[in-house]
């Protein structure tokens, strides 16, 4: 099996970390604040649906901005 080129490794790792954070942080908050008899699944999917419209564009925008800034400064150094 061939390894991925370096230019693909960092975005894939970043995407994996972002997916874990976007899925596990609402789960932690829901489990801490959930009443004893409430349904976890419904509350979790409600938290995801409230968070996703803000978190996904923010994550994509910040990834693009940081990538542009890093490429700008890396080109200047070399």
N, C-alpha and C. Protein backbone atom coordinates (compact mmCIF):
# COMPACT_ATOMS: atom_id res chain seq x y z
N UNK A 1 0.85 -1.18 0.00
CA UNK A 1 0.00 0.00 0.00
C UNK A 1 0.88 1.23 0.00
N UNK A 2 0.61 2.15 -0.89
CA UNK A 2 1.38 3.39 -0.98
C UNK A 2 0.96 4.37 0.12
N UNK A 3 1.93 5.09 0.61
CA UNK A 3 1.63 6.11 1.60
C UNK A 3 1.12 7.35 0.91
N UNK A 4 0.34 8.12 1.64
CA UNK A 4 -0.16 9.37 1.10
C UNK A 4 0.95 10.41 1.05
N UNK A 5 0.92 11.30 0.08
CA UNK A 5 1.89 12.40 0.06
C UNK A 5 1.69 13.31 1.27
N UNK A 6 2.73 14.02 1.63
CA UNK A 6 2.69 14.87 2.82
C UNK A 6 1.62 15.95 2.72
N UNK A 7 1.34 16.42 1.52
CA UNK A 7 0.36 17.50 1.40
C UNK A 7 -1.06 17.01 1.72
N UNK A 8 -1.30 15.69 1.68
CA UNK A 8 -2.61 15.17 2.03
C UNK A 8 -2.69 14.71 3.48
N UNK A 9 -1.57 14.42 4.10
CA UNK A 9 -1.58 13.90 5.46
C UNK A 9 -2.12 14.91 6.47
N UNK A 10 -1.63 16.13 6.42
CA UNK A 10 -2.05 17.13 7.40
C UNK A 10 -3.53 17.45 7.31
N UNK A 11 -4.10 17.67 6.11
CA UNK A 11 -5.56 17.91 6.07
C UNK A 11 -6.38 16.71 6.55
N UNK A 12 -5.93 15.50 6.27
CA UNK A 12 -6.69 14.33 6.71
C UNK A 12 -6.62 14.20 8.23
N UNK A 13 -5.47 14.42 8.81
CA UNK A 13 -5.35 14.38 10.27
C UNK A 13 -6.18 15.49 10.90
N UNK A 14 -6.11 16.69 10.33
CA UNK A 14 -6.91 17.80 10.84
C UNK A 14 -8.40 17.53 10.75
N UNK A 15 -8.84 16.93 9.65
CA UNK A 15 -10.24 16.59 9.49
C UNK A 15 -10.67 15.54 10.52
N UNK A 16 -9.82 14.56 10.77
CA UNK A 16 -10.13 13.55 11.77
C UNK A 16 -10.25 14.14 13.17
N UNK A 17 -9.33 15.02 13.52
CA UNK A 17 -9.38 15.66 14.83
C UNK A 17 -10.63 16.52 14.95
N UNK A 18 -10.94 17.25 13.87
CA UNK A 18 -12.12 18.10 13.88
C UNK A 18 -13.40 17.29 14.04
N UNK A 19 -13.49 16.15 13.35
CA UNK A 19 -14.68 15.31 13.48
C UNK A 19 -14.85 14.76 14.89
N UNK A 20 -13.74 14.36 15.50
CA UNK A 20 -13.81 13.84 16.87
C UNK A 20 -14.23 14.94 17.83
N UNK A 21 -13.68 16.13 17.67
CA UNK A 21 -14.04 17.23 18.56
C UNK A 21 -15.51 17.65 18.37
N UNK A 22 -15.94 17.75 17.10
CA UNK A 22 -17.32 18.19 16.85
C UNK A 22 -18.35 17.16 17.27
N UNK A 23 -17.96 15.91 17.39
CA UNK A 23 -18.92 14.90 17.82
C UNK A 23 -18.84 14.58 19.31
N UNK A 24 -17.66 14.70 19.90
CA UNK A 24 -17.55 14.31 21.31
C UNK A 24 -17.80 15.45 22.29
N UNK A 25 -17.49 16.68 21.93
CA UNK A 25 -17.72 17.77 22.87
C UNK A 25 -19.20 17.98 23.18
N UNK A 26 -20.11 17.95 22.18
CA UNK A 26 -21.53 18.03 22.55
C UNK A 26 -21.98 16.83 23.39
N UNK A 27 -21.41 15.66 23.14
CA UNK A 27 -21.78 14.48 23.93
C UNK A 27 -21.40 14.68 25.40
N UNK A 28 -20.24 15.26 25.64
CA UNK A 28 -19.82 15.52 27.02
C UNK A 28 -20.74 16.52 27.69
N UNK A 29 -21.06 17.61 26.99
CA UNK A 29 -21.94 18.62 27.56
C UNK A 29 -23.34 18.08 27.81
N UNK A 30 -23.86 17.29 26.89
CA UNK A 30 -25.19 16.71 27.07
C UNK A 30 -25.20 15.75 28.24
N UNK A 31 -24.17 14.92 28.36
CA UNK A 31 -24.16 13.94 29.45
C UNK A 31 -24.01 14.62 30.82
N UNK A 32 -23.36 15.76 30.87
CA UNK A 32 -23.22 16.47 32.14
C UNK A 32 -24.51 17.17 32.56
N UNK A 33 -25.28 17.66 31.58
CA UNK A 33 -26.45 18.48 31.90
C UNK A 33 -27.78 17.77 31.71
N UNK A 34 -27.77 16.50 31.40
CA UNK A 34 -28.99 15.76 31.10
C UNK A 34 -29.68 15.32 32.38
N UNK A 35 -31.00 15.56 32.49
CA UNK A 35 -31.73 15.04 33.64
C UNK A 35 -31.71 13.50 33.65
N UNK A 36 -31.91 12.89 34.79
CA UNK A 36 -31.76 11.42 34.90
C UNK A 36 -32.67 10.61 33.99
N UNK A 37 -33.90 11.03 33.73
CA UNK A 37 -34.83 10.23 32.95
C UNK A 37 -34.89 10.62 31.47
N UNK A 38 -34.09 11.57 31.04
CA UNK A 38 -34.16 12.07 29.66
C UNK A 38 -33.42 11.13 28.70
N UNK A 39 -33.79 11.21 27.43
CA UNK A 39 -33.19 10.39 26.39
C UNK A 39 -31.91 11.05 25.89
N UNK A 40 -30.80 10.34 25.97
CA UNK A 40 -29.50 10.90 25.56
C UNK A 40 -29.45 11.14 24.06
N UNK A 41 -29.94 10.22 23.26
CA UNK A 41 -29.84 10.32 21.80
C UNK A 41 -30.54 11.56 21.26
N UNK A 42 -31.75 11.81 21.75
CA UNK A 42 -32.49 12.98 21.29
C UNK A 42 -31.78 14.27 21.68
N UNK A 43 -31.31 14.34 22.90
CA UNK A 43 -30.61 15.53 23.36
C UNK A 43 -29.28 15.72 22.62
N UNK A 44 -28.60 14.63 22.33
CA UNK A 44 -27.32 14.71 21.62
C UNK A 44 -27.52 15.21 20.20
N UNK A 45 -28.48 14.64 19.48
CA UNK A 45 -28.71 15.07 18.10
C UNK A 45 -29.26 16.50 18.05
N UNK A 46 -29.99 16.91 19.06
CA UNK A 46 -30.44 18.29 19.15
C UNK A 46 -29.24 19.22 19.34
N UNK A 47 -28.29 18.85 20.18
CA UNK A 47 -27.10 19.66 20.39
C UNK A 47 -26.25 19.73 19.11
N UNK A 48 -26.13 18.61 18.40
CA UNK A 48 -25.38 18.60 17.14
C UNK A 48 -26.05 19.51 16.12
N UNK A 49 -27.38 19.44 16.03
CA UNK A 49 -28.09 20.26 15.04
C UNK A 49 -28.01 21.74 15.37
N UNK A 50 -27.87 22.09 16.63
CA UNK A 50 -27.70 23.50 17.00
C UNK A 50 -26.28 23.98 16.78
N UNK A 51 -25.31 23.11 16.92
CA UNK A 51 -23.90 23.49 16.83
C UNK A 51 -23.38 23.49 15.40
N UNK A 52 -23.79 22.55 14.58
CA UNK A 52 -23.21 22.35 13.25
C UNK A 52 -23.31 23.56 12.33
N UNK A 53 -24.43 24.28 12.28
CA UNK A 53 -24.47 25.42 11.35
C UNK A 53 -23.45 26.51 11.65
N UNK A 54 -22.96 26.56 12.87
CA UNK A 54 -21.95 27.56 13.23
C UNK A 54 -20.54 26.98 13.21
N UNK A 55 -20.40 25.75 13.67
CA UNK A 55 -19.07 25.17 13.84
C UNK A 55 -18.44 24.75 12.51
N UNK A 56 -19.21 24.19 11.61
CA UNK A 56 -18.64 23.70 10.35
C UNK A 56 -18.11 24.84 9.48
N UNK A 57 -18.88 25.91 9.21
CA UNK A 57 -18.30 27.01 8.42
C UNK A 57 -17.13 27.69 9.12
N UNK A 58 -17.20 27.80 10.45
CA UNK A 58 -16.08 28.40 11.19
C UNK A 58 -14.83 27.54 11.07
N UNK A 59 -14.98 26.23 11.15
CA UNK A 59 -13.83 25.34 11.04
C UNK A 59 -13.24 25.38 9.63
N UNK A 60 -14.09 25.39 8.62
CA UNK A 60 -13.60 25.44 7.24
C UNK A 60 -12.91 26.77 6.96
N UNK A 61 -13.53 27.86 7.40
CA UNK A 61 -12.93 29.18 7.19
C UNK A 61 -11.61 29.35 7.90
N UNK A 62 -11.53 28.89 9.14
CA UNK A 62 -10.27 29.03 9.87
C UNK A 62 -9.19 28.12 9.28
N UNK A 63 -9.56 26.94 8.80
CA UNK A 63 -8.57 26.06 8.17
C UNK A 63 -8.01 26.70 6.91
N UNK A 64 -8.87 27.31 6.11
CA UNK A 64 -8.40 27.99 4.89
C UNK A 64 -7.51 29.17 5.24
N UNK A 65 -7.92 29.97 6.21
CA UNK A 65 -7.13 31.14 6.61
C UNK A 65 -5.76 30.73 7.15
N UNK A 66 -5.72 29.74 8.04
CA UNK A 66 -4.44 29.31 8.61
C UNK A 66 -3.55 28.68 7.56
N UNK A 67 -4.15 27.96 6.62
CA UNK A 67 -3.37 27.37 5.55
C UNK A 67 -2.75 28.46 4.67
N UNK A 68 -3.53 29.49 4.33
CA UNK A 68 -2.99 30.60 3.53
C UNK A 68 -1.88 31.34 4.27
N UNK A 69 -2.10 31.60 5.56
CA UNK A 69 -1.07 32.29 6.34
C UNK A 69 0.20 31.45 6.46
N UNK A 70 0.03 30.15 6.70
CA UNK A 70 1.20 29.28 6.82
C UNK A 70 1.95 29.21 5.50
N UNK A 71 1.24 29.09 4.39
CA UNK A 71 1.90 29.05 3.08
C UNK A 71 2.59 30.37 2.77
N UNK A 72 2.00 31.49 3.17
CA UNK A 72 2.61 32.79 2.93
C UNK A 72 3.93 32.91 3.68
N UNK A 73 3.94 32.54 4.96
CA UNK A 73 5.16 32.67 5.76
C UNK A 73 6.19 31.62 5.40
N UNK A 74 5.77 30.42 5.01
CA UNK A 74 6.72 29.38 4.62
C UNK A 74 7.42 29.79 3.32
N UNK A 75 6.67 30.37 2.39
CA UNK A 75 7.29 30.83 1.14
C UNK A 75 8.28 31.95 1.40
N UNK A 76 8.00 32.82 2.34
CA UNK A 76 8.88 33.94 2.64
C UNK A 76 10.20 33.46 3.29
N UNK A 77 10.12 32.41 4.11
CA UNK A 77 11.30 31.92 4.80
C UNK A 77 12.24 31.22 3.82
N UNK A 78 11.71 30.44 2.93
CA UNK A 78 12.55 29.70 2.01
C UNK A 78 12.98 30.59 0.92
